[in-house]
Every structure is written in structure tokens, then in C-alpha cells.
Amino acid sequence: MIDKFQKKTGVKVELSRVLAAGISAQAVAALDSGTPPSVAYGDVFDFQVAGKWAFEGRLEDLSDILVPMKADFLRSRWKPPS
């Protein structure tokens, strides 16, 4: 998929896989050094650093990209406690 994207767009992609235990620390280090990734995904971001980054204005609003794809995502079965 990366090769196909690079050939189509001319944009170089560097994929890094990081263990969940280290992803927040690596992302914080990248932000602090001024070299953040264009895109990062980690299940732990939401409760470890996302609130802080949102407050600091370090997150990008991707609604215009994600909302049109909303129907393609699995609906969550989680319900908040009553």
C-alpha cells in the first residue's frame, strides 16, 4: 500500500512500528524535537497524551477527511455506564 501511494503521489512515506508501551514517549520526543510525524496512531494516545496535546494545539482536526468515511468504520458497542 505504501509503495502504491508513493508512486501515485510522489510523497515519501516512512513507516515506523513501535510497541504500545513506548509510542507515547517516542511521540512526545518527536514533538519536543520539532520533528513530529505527519500521522501517528496509537491506542494509548487517547488517555495518556491526547488531552494535553489538544489543549496545547498540537493536534490537527481531521473531520473533513474522516467524516466522509464514517460509515466505513465499525460501530462501537461500548456504552458509557449509567
PDB file of N, CA and C in Angstrom:
ATOM      1  N   MET A   1       0.820  -1.172   0.000  1.00  0.00           N
ATOM      2  CA  MET A   1       0.000   0.000   0.000  1.00  0.00           C
ATOM      3  C   MET A   1       0.878   1.254   0.000  1.00  0.00           C
ATOM      4  N   ILE A   2       1.952   1.221   0.774  1.00  0.00           N
ATOM      5  CA  ILE A   2       2.847   2.376   0.830  1.00  0.00           C
ATOM      6  C   ILE A   2       3.498   2.612  -0.532  1.00  0.00           C
ATOM      7  N   ASP A   3       3.981   1.542  -1.164  1.00  0.00           N
ATOM      8  CA  ASP A   3       4.605   1.685  -2.480  1.00  0.00           C
ATOM      9  C   ASP A   3       3.625   2.282  -3.486  1.00  0.00           C
ATOM     10  N   LYS A   4       2.412   1.800  -3.476  1.00  0.00           N
ATOM     11  CA  LYS A   4       1.391   2.300  -4.400  1.00  0.00           C
ATOM     12  C   LYS A   4       1.128   3.788  -4.143  1.00  0.00           C
ATOM     13  N   PHE A   5       1.018   4.182  -2.875  1.00  0.00           N
ATOM     14  CA  PHE A   5       0.789   5.583  -2.519  1.00  0.00           C
ATOM     15  C   PHE A   5       1.954   6.450  -2.973  1.00  0.00           C
ATOM     16  N   GLN A   6       3.188   6.000  -2.712  1.00  0.00           N
ATOM     17  CA  GLN A   6       4.367   6.776  -3.082  1.00  0.00           C
ATOM     18  C   GLN A   6       4.456   6.977  -4.594  1.00  0.00           C
ATOM     19  N   LYS A   7       4.163   5.919  -5.361  1.00  0.00           N
ATOM     20  CA  LYS A   7       4.208   6.021  -6.813  1.00  0.00           C
ATOM     21  C   LYS A   7       3.131   6.966  -7.337  1.00  0.00           C
ATOM     22  N   LYS A   8       1.967   6.908  -6.724  1.00  0.00           N
ATOM     23  CA  LYS A   8       0.850   7.744  -7.184  1.00  0.00           C
ATOM     24  C   LYS A   8       1.042   9.211  -6.831  1.00  0.00           C
ATOM     25  N   THR A   9       1.590   9.489  -5.640  1.00  0.00           N
ATOM     26  CA  THR A   9       1.658  10.872  -5.153  1.00  0.00           C
ATOM     27  C   THR A   9       3.047  11.492  -5.207  1.00  0.00           C
ATOM     28  N   GLY A  10       4.083  10.676  -5.248  1.00  0.00           N
ATOM     29  CA  GLY A  10       5.437  11.196  -5.179  1.00  0.00           C
ATOM     30  C   GLY A  10       5.852  11.576  -3.768  1.00  0.00           C
ATOM     31  N   VAL A  11       5.009  11.259  -2.797  1.00  0.00           N
ATOM     32  CA  VAL A  11       5.284  11.568  -1.395  1.00  0.00           C
ATOM     33  C   VAL A  11       5.981  10.372  -0.762  1.00  0.00           C
ATOM     34  N   LYS A  12       7.146  10.619  -0.155  1.00  0.00           N
ATOM     35  CA  LYS A  12       7.888   9.546   0.512  1.00  0.00           C
ATOM     36  C   LYS A  12       7.239   9.228   1.858  1.00  0.00           C
ATOM     37  N   VAL A  13       7.072   7.962   2.136  1.00  0.00           N
ATOM     38  CA  VAL A  13       6.454   7.506   3.381  1.00  0.00           C
ATOM     39  C   VAL A  13       7.481   6.701   4.167  1.00  0.00           C
ATOM     40  N   GLU A  14       7.581   7.006   5.448  1.00  0.00           N
ATOM     41  CA  GLU A  14       8.416   6.220   6.349  1.00  0.00           C
ATOM     42  C   GLU A  14       7.505   5.622   7.401  1.00  0.00           C
ATOM     43  N   LEU A  15       7.389   4.310   7.406  1.00  0.00           N
ATOM     44  CA  LEU A  15       6.532   3.612   8.359  1.00  0.00           C
ATOM     45  C   LEU A  15       7.374   3.128   9.531  1.00  0.00           C
ATOM     46  N   SER A  16       6.956   3.494  10.732  1.00  0.00           N
ATOM     47  CA  SER A  16       7.635   3.031  11.941  1.00  0.00           C
ATOM     48  C   SER A  16       6.627   2.306  12.800  1.00  0.00           C
ATOM     49  N   ARG A  17       6.987   1.144  13.229  1.00  0.00           N
ATOM     50  CA  ARG A  17       6.143   0.395  14.152  1.00  0.00           C
ATOM     51  C   ARG A  17       6.810   0.422  15.516  1.00  0.00           C
ATOM     52  N   VAL A  18       6.020   0.791  16.513  1.00  0.00           N
ATOM     53  CA  VAL A  18       6.545   0.957  17.869  1.00  0.00           C
ATOM     54  C   VAL A  18       5.652   0.190  18.822  1.00  0.00           C
ATOM     55  N   LEU A  19       6.244  -0.448  19.803  1.00  0.00           N
ATOM     56  CA  LEU A  19       5.445  -1.130  20.821  1.00  0.00           C
ATOM     57  C   LEU A  19       4.568  -0.124  21.550  1.00  0.00           C
ATOM     58  N   ALA A  20       3.375  -0.532  21.912  1.00  0.00           N
ATOM     59  CA  ALA A  20       2.424   0.362  22.584  1.00  0.00           C
ATOM     60  C   ALA A  20       3.041   1.010  23.822  1.00  0.00           C
ATOM     61  N   ALA A  21       3.873   0.270  24.526  1.00  0.00           N
ATOM     62  CA  ALA A  21       4.473   0.797  25.754  1.00  0.00           C
ATOM     63  C   ALA A  21       5.386   1.984  25.491  1.00  0.00           C
ATOM     64  N   GLY A  22       5.923   2.103  24.277  1.00  0.00           N
ATOM     65  CA  GLY A  22       6.864   3.172  24.001  1.00  0.00           C
ATOM     66  C   GLY A  22       6.363   4.243  23.057  1.00  0.00           C
ATOM     67  N   ILE A  23       5.167   4.082  22.530  1.00  0.00           N
ATOM     68  CA  ILE A  23       4.707   5.009  21.495  1.00  0.00           C
ATOM     69  C   ILE A  23       4.499   6.423  22.021  1.00  0.00           C
ATOM     70  N   SER A  24       3.945   6.563  23.211  1.00  0.00           N
ATOM     71  CA  SER A  24       3.728   7.912  23.739  1.00  0.00           C
ATOM     72  C   SER A  24       5.051   8.624  23.968  1.00  0.00           C
ATOM     73  N   ALA A  25       6.019   7.933  24.546  1.00  0.00           N
ATOM     74  CA  ALA A  25       7.327   8.546  24.798  1.00  0.00           C
ATOM     75  C   ALA A  25       8.009   8.938  23.493  1.00  0.00           C
ATOM     76  N   GLN A  26       7.918   8.094  22.490  1.00  0.00           N
ATOM     77  CA  GLN A  26       8.536   8.400  21.204  1.00  0.00           C
ATOM     78  C   GLN A  26       7.833   9.577  20.532  1.00  0.00           C
ATOM     79  N   ALA A  27       6.518   9.633  20.612  1.00  0.00           N
ATOM     80  CA  ALA A  27       5.775  10.741  20.017  1.00  0.00           C
ATOM     81  C   ALA A  27       6.083  12.052  20.737  1.00  0.00           C
ATOM     82  N   VAL A  28       6.156  12.018  22.067  1.00  0.00           N
ATOM     83  CA  VAL A  28       6.493  13.216  22.842  1.00  0.00           C
ATOM     84  C   VAL A  28       7.890  13.703  22.468  1.00  0.00           C
ATOM     85  N   ALA A  29       8.839  12.795  22.342  1.00  0.00           N
ATOM     86  CA  ALA A  29      10.201  13.169  21.965  1.00  0.00           C
ATOM     87  C   ALA A  29      10.228  13.800  20.572  1.00  0.00           C
ATOM     88  N   ALA A  30       9.448  13.257  19.645  1.00  0.00           N
ATOM     89  CA  ALA A  30       9.392  13.816  18.287  1.00  0.00           C
ATOM     90  C   ALA A  30       8.784  15.211  18.298  1.00  0.00           C
ATOM     91  N   LEU A  31       7.733  15.400  19.073  1.00  0.00           N
ATOM     92  CA  LEU A  31       7.119  16.728  19.185  1.00  0.00           C
ATOM     93  C   LEU A  31       8.091  17.720  19.808  1.00  0.00           C
ATOM     94  N   ASP A  32       8.733  17.307  20.890  1.00  0.00           N
ATOM     95  CA  ASP A  32       9.663  18.194  21.591  1.00  0.00           C
ATOM     96  C   ASP A  32      10.866  18.583  20.726  1.00  0.00           C
ATOM     97  N   SER A  33      11.283  17.680  19.834  1.00  0.00           N
ATOM     98  CA  SER A  33      12.433  17.967  18.970  1.00  0.00           C
ATOM     99  C   SER A  33      12.032  18.760  17.727  1.00  0.00           C
ATOM    100  N   GLY A  34      10.721  18.950  17.543  1.00  0.00           N
ATOM    101  CA  GLY A  34      10.252  19.693  16.379  1.00  0.00           C
ATOM    102  C   GLY A  34      10.149  18.869  15.118  1.00  0.00           C
ATOM    103  N   THR A  35      10.187  17.548  15.261  1.00  0.00           N
ATOM    104  CA  THR A  35      10.092  16.658  14.098  1.00  0.00           C
ATOM    105  C   THR A  35       8.956  15.657  14.281  1.00  0.00           C
ATOM    106  N   PRO A  36       7.721  16.142  14.464  1.00  0.00           N
ATOM    107  CA  PRO A  36       6.613  15.214  14.676  1.00  0.00           C
ATOM    108  C   PRO A  36       6.266  14.468  13.392  1.00  0.00           C
ATOM    109  N   PRO A  37       5.682  13.296  13.514  1.00  0.00           N
ATOM    110  CA  PRO A  37       5.240  12.576  12.317  1.00  0.00           C
ATOM    111  C   PRO A  37       4.024  13.276  11.716  1.00  0.00           C
ATOM    112  N   SER A  38       3.812  13.084  10.439  1.00  0.00           N
ATOM    113  CA  SER A  38       2.624  13.643   9.789  1.00  0.00           C
ATOM    114  C   SER A  38       1.371  12.955  10.309  1.00  0.00           C
ATOM    115  N   VAL A  39       1.484  11.641  10.538  1.00  0.00           N
ATOM    116  CA  VAL A  39       0.367  10.849  11.050  1.00  0.00           C
ATOM    117  C   VAL A  39       0.908   9.881  12.087  1.00  0.00           C
ATOM    118  N   ALA A  40       0.195   9.750  13.192  1.00  0.00           N
ATOM    119  CA  ALA A  40       0.566   8.764  14.211  1.00  0.00           C
ATOM    120  C   ALA A  40      -0.709   8.130  14.729  1.00  0.00           C
ATOM    121  N   TYR A  41      -0.638   6.850  15.002  1.00  0.00           N
ATOM    122  CA  TYR A  41      -1.780   6.151  15.572  1.00  0.00           C
ATOM    123  C   TYR A  41      -1.294   5.300  16.722  1.00  0.00           C
ATOM    124  N   GLY A  42      -2.003   5.379  17.809  1.00  0.00           N
ATOM    125  CA  GLY A  42      -1.709   4.525  18.953  1.00  0.00           C
ATOM    126  C   GLY A  42      -2.918   4.454  19.856  1.00  0.00           C
ATOM    127  N   ASP A  43      -3.263   3.271  20.270  1.00  0.00           N
ATOM    128  CA  ASP A  43      -4.433   3.096  21.136  1.00  0.00           C
ATOM    129  C   ASP A  43      -4.282   3.809  22.474  1.00  0.00           C
ATOM    130  N   VAL A  44      -3.052   4.061  22.891  1.00  0.00           N
ATOM    131  CA  VAL A  44      -2.833   4.663  24.208  1.00  0.00           C
ATOM    132  C   VAL A  44      -2.847   6.183  24.191  1.00  0.00           C
ATOM    133  N   PHE A  45      -2.798   6.804  23.023  1.00  0.00           N
ATOM    134  CA  PHE A  45      -2.767   8.262  22.961  1.00  0.00           C
ATOM    135  C   PHE A  45      -3.984   8.886  23.639  1.00  0.00           C
ATOM    136  N   ASP A  46      -5.142   8.276  23.464  1.00  0.00           N
ATOM    137  CA  ASP A  46      -6.369   8.903  23.950  1.00  0.00           C
ATOM    138  C   ASP A  46      -6.356   9.155  25.447  1.00  0.00           C
ATOM    139  N   PHE A  47      -5.785   8.291  26.225  1.00  0.00           N
ATOM    140  CA  PHE A  47      -5.811   8.513  27.673  1.00  0.00           C
ATOM    141  C   PHE A  47      -4.467   8.932  28.256  1.00  0.00           C
ATOM    142  N   GLN A  48      -3.413   8.901  27.471  1.00  0.00           N
ATOM    143  CA  GLN A  48      -2.114   9.299  28.005  1.00  0.00           C
ATOM    144  C   GLN A  48      -1.730  10.726  27.643  1.00  0.00           C
ATOM    145  N   VAL A  49      -1.942  11.128  26.402  1.00  0.00           N
ATOM    146  CA  VAL A  49      -1.440  12.440  25.995  1.00  0.00           C
ATOM    147  C   VAL A  49      -2.385  13.264  25.125  1.00  0.00           C
ATOM    148  N   ALA A  50      -3.425  12.696  24.576  1.00  0.00           N
ATOM    149  CA  ALA A  50      -4.273  13.422  23.623  1.00  0.00           C
ATOM    150  C   ALA A  50      -4.900  14.673  24.232  1.00  0.00           C
ATOM    151  N   GLY A  51      -5.359  14.611  25.462  1.00  0.00           N
ATOM    152  CA  GLY A  51      -5.957  15.782  26.095  1.00  0.00           C
ATOM    153  C   GLY A  51      -4.962  16.922  26.226  1.00  0.00           C
ATOM    154  N   LYS A  52      -3.752  16.602  26.641  1.00  0.00           N
ATOM    155  CA  LYS A  52      -2.695  17.602  26.788  1.00  0.00           C
ATOM    156  C   LYS A  52      -2.348  18.209  25.433  1.00  0.00           C
ATOM    157  N   TRP A  53      -2.184  17.353  24.409  1.00  0.00           N
ATOM    158  CA  TRP A  53      -1.844  17.846  23.083  1.00  0.00           C
ATOM    159  C   TRP A  53      -2.966  18.699  22.497  1.00  0.00           C
ATOM    160  N   ALA A  54      -4.209  18.316  22.745  1.00  0.00           N
ATOM    161  CA  ALA A  54      -5.333  19.123  22.255  1.00  0.00           C
ATOM    162  C   ALA A  54      -5.307  20.494  22.912  1.00  0.00           C
ATOM    163  N   PHE A  55      -5.077  20.537  24.217  1.00  0.00           N
ATOM    164  CA  PHE A  55      -5.012  21.800  24.956  1.00  0.00           C
ATOM    165  C   PHE A  55      -3.889  22.692  24.426  1.00  0.00           C
ATOM    166  N   GLU A  56      -2.776  22.064  24.059  1.00  0.00           N
ATOM    167  CA  GLU A  56      -1.623  22.809  23.554  1.00  0.00           C
ATOM    168  C   GLU A  56      -1.735  23.163  22.067  1.00  0.00           C
ATOM    169  N   GLY A  57      -2.810  22.707  21.411  1.00  0.00           N
ATOM    170  CA  GLY A  57      -2.994  22.993  19.989  1.00  0.00           C
ATOM    171  C   GLY A  57      -2.082  22.198  19.079  1.00  0.00           C
ATOM    172  N   ARG A  58      -1.645  21.028  19.542  1.00  0.00           N
ATOM    173  CA  ARG A  58      -0.709  20.205  18.763  1.00  0.00           C
ATOM    174  C   ARG A  58      -1.397  19.174  17.879  1.00  0.00           C
ATOM    175  N   LEU A  59      -2.723  19.090  17.930  1.00  0.00           N
ATOM    176  CA  LEU A  59      -3.443  18.097  17.131  1.00  0.00           C
ATOM    177  C   LEU A  59      -4.128  18.771  15.957  1.00  0.00           C
ATOM    178  N   GLU A  60      -4.276  18.048  14.880  1.00  0.00           N
ATOM    179  CA  GLU A  60      -4.931  18.534  13.677  1.00  0.00           C
ATOM    180  C   GLU A  60      -6.354  17.994  13.625  1.00  0.00           C
ATOM    181  N   ASP A  61      -7.284  18.819  13.217  1.00  0.00           N
ATOM    182  CA  ASP A  61      -8.672  18.383  13.038  1.00  0.00           C
ATOM    183  C   ASP A  61      -8.776  17.660  11.695  1.00  0.00           C
ATOM    184  N   LEU A  62      -9.099  16.382  11.730  1.00  0.00           N
ATOM    185  CA  LEU A  62      -9.205  15.577  10.521  1.00  0.00           C
ATOM    186  C   LEU A  62     -10.654  15.299  10.134  1.00  0.00           C
ATOM    187  N   SER A  63     -11.584  16.050  10.689  1.00  0.00           N
ATOM    188  CA  SER A  63     -13.006  15.808  10.434  1.00  0.00           C
ATOM    189  C   SER A  63     -13.336  15.818   8.951  1.00  0.00           C
ATOM    190  N   ASP A  64     -12.763  16.745   8.199  1.00  0.00           N
ATOM    191  CA  ASP A  64     -13.088  16.834   6.780  1.00  0.00           C
ATOM    192  C   ASP A  64     -12.661  15.594   6.007  1.00  0.00           C
ATOM    193  N   ILE A  65     -11.683  14.866   6.537  1.00  0.00           N
ATOM    194  CA  ILE A  65     -11.228  13.631   5.905  1.00  0.00           C
ATOM    195  C   ILE A  65     -12.010  12.431   6.441  1.00  0.00           C
ATOM    196  N   LEU A  66     -12.213  12.395   7.762  1.00  0.00           N
ATOM    197  CA  LEU A  66     -12.801  11.215   8.395  1.00  0.00           C
ATOM    198  C   LEU A  66     -14.319  11.144   8.310  1.00  0.00           C
ATOM    199  N   VAL A  67     -14.998  12.269   8.381  1.00  0.00           N
ATOM    200  CA  VAL A  67     -16.467  12.245   8.368  1.00  0.00           C
ATOM    201  C   VAL A  67     -17.017  11.563   7.111  1.00  0.00           C
ATOM    202  N   PRO A  68     -16.479  11.835   5.918  1.00  0.00           N
ATOM    203  CA  PRO A  68     -16.992  11.126   4.742  1.00  0.00           C
ATOM    204  C   PRO A  68     -16.784   9.616   4.792  1.00  0.00           C
ATOM    205  N   MET A  69     -15.824   9.151   5.603  1.00  0.00           N
ATOM    206  CA  MET A  69     -15.547   7.713   5.723  1.00  0.00           C
ATOM    207  C   MET A  69     -16.251   7.086   6.915  1.00  0.00           C
ATOM    208  N   LYS A  70     -17.008   7.853   7.656  1.00  0.00           N
ATOM    209  CA  LYS A  70     -17.600   7.400   8.914  1.00  0.00           C
ATOM    210  C   LYS A  70     -18.345   6.071   8.768  1.00  0.00           C
ATOM    211  N   ALA A  71     -19.083   5.907   7.705  1.00  0.00           N
ATOM    212  CA  ALA A  71     -19.871   4.683   7.515  1.00  0.00           C
ATOM    213  C   ALA A  71     -18.992   3.447   7.323  1.00  0.00           C
ATOM    214  N   ASP A  72     -17.727   3.646   6.965  1.00  0.00           N
ATOM    215  CA  ASP A  72     -16.817   2.520   6.745  1.00  0.00           C
ATOM    216  C   ASP A  72     -16.225   1.965   8.032  1.00  0.00           C
ATOM    217  N   PHE A  73     -16.373   2.689   9.138  1.00  0.00           N
ATOM    218  CA  PHE A  73     -15.828   2.246  10.413  1.00  0.00           C
ATOM    219  C   PHE A  73     -16.836   1.384  11.155  1.00  0.00           C
ATOM    220  N   LEU A  74     -16.345   0.479  11.954  1.00  0.00           N
ATOM    221  CA  LEU A  74     -17.226  -0.353  12.770  1.00  0.00           C
ATOM    222  C   LEU A  74     -17.851   0.482  13.870  1.00  0.00           C
ATOM    223  N   ARG A  75     -19.108   0.278  14.090  1.00  0.00           N
ATOM    224  CA  ARG A  75     -19.803   0.986  15.155  1.00  0.00           C
ATOM    225  C   ARG A  75     -19.380   0.394  16.495  1.00  0.00           C
ATOM    226  N   SER A  76     -19.115   1.245  17.448  1.00  0.00           N
ATOM    227  CA  SER A  76     -18.702   0.802  18.775  1.00  0.00           C
ATOM    228  C   SER A  76     -19.894   0.217  19.521  1.00  0.00           C
ATOM    229  N   ARG A  77     -19.662  -0.861  20.223  1.00  0.00           N
ATOM    230  CA  ARG A  77     -20.716  -1.453  21.048  1.00  0.00           C
ATOM    231  C   ARG A  77     -20.597  -0.991  22.498  1.00  0.00           C
ATOM    232  N   TRP A  78     -19.551  -0.217  22.785  1.00  0.00           N
ATOM    233  CA  TRP A  78     -19.335   0.277  24.142  1.00  0.00           C
ATOM    234  C   TRP A  78     -20.385   1.309  24.477  1.00  0.00           C
ATOM    235  N   LYS A  79     -20.897   1.239  25.678  1.00  0.00           N
ATOM    236  CA  LYS A  79     -21.860   2.222  26.163  1.00  0.00           C
ATOM    237  C   LYS A  79     -21.354   2.740  27.502  1.00  0.00           C
ATOM    238  N   PRO A  80     -21.445   4.048  27.713  1.00  0.00           N
ATOM    239  CA  PRO A  80     -20.973   4.583  28.992  1.00  0.00           C
ATOM    240  C   PRO A  80     -21.814   4.055  30.134  1.00  0.00           C
ATOM    241  N   PRO A  81     -21.235   3.895  31.319  1.00  0.00           N
ATOM    242  CA  PRO A  81     -22.005   3.404  32.466  1.00  0.00           C
ATOM    243  C   PRO A  81     -23.127   4.378  32.821  1.00  0.00           C
ATOM    244  N   SER A  82     -24.200   3.824  33.299  1.00  0.00           N
ATOM    245  CA  SER A  82     -25.358   4.655  33.671  1.00  0.00           C
ATOM    246  C   SER A  82     -25.156   5.321  35.007  1.00  0.00           C
TER     247      SER A  82
END
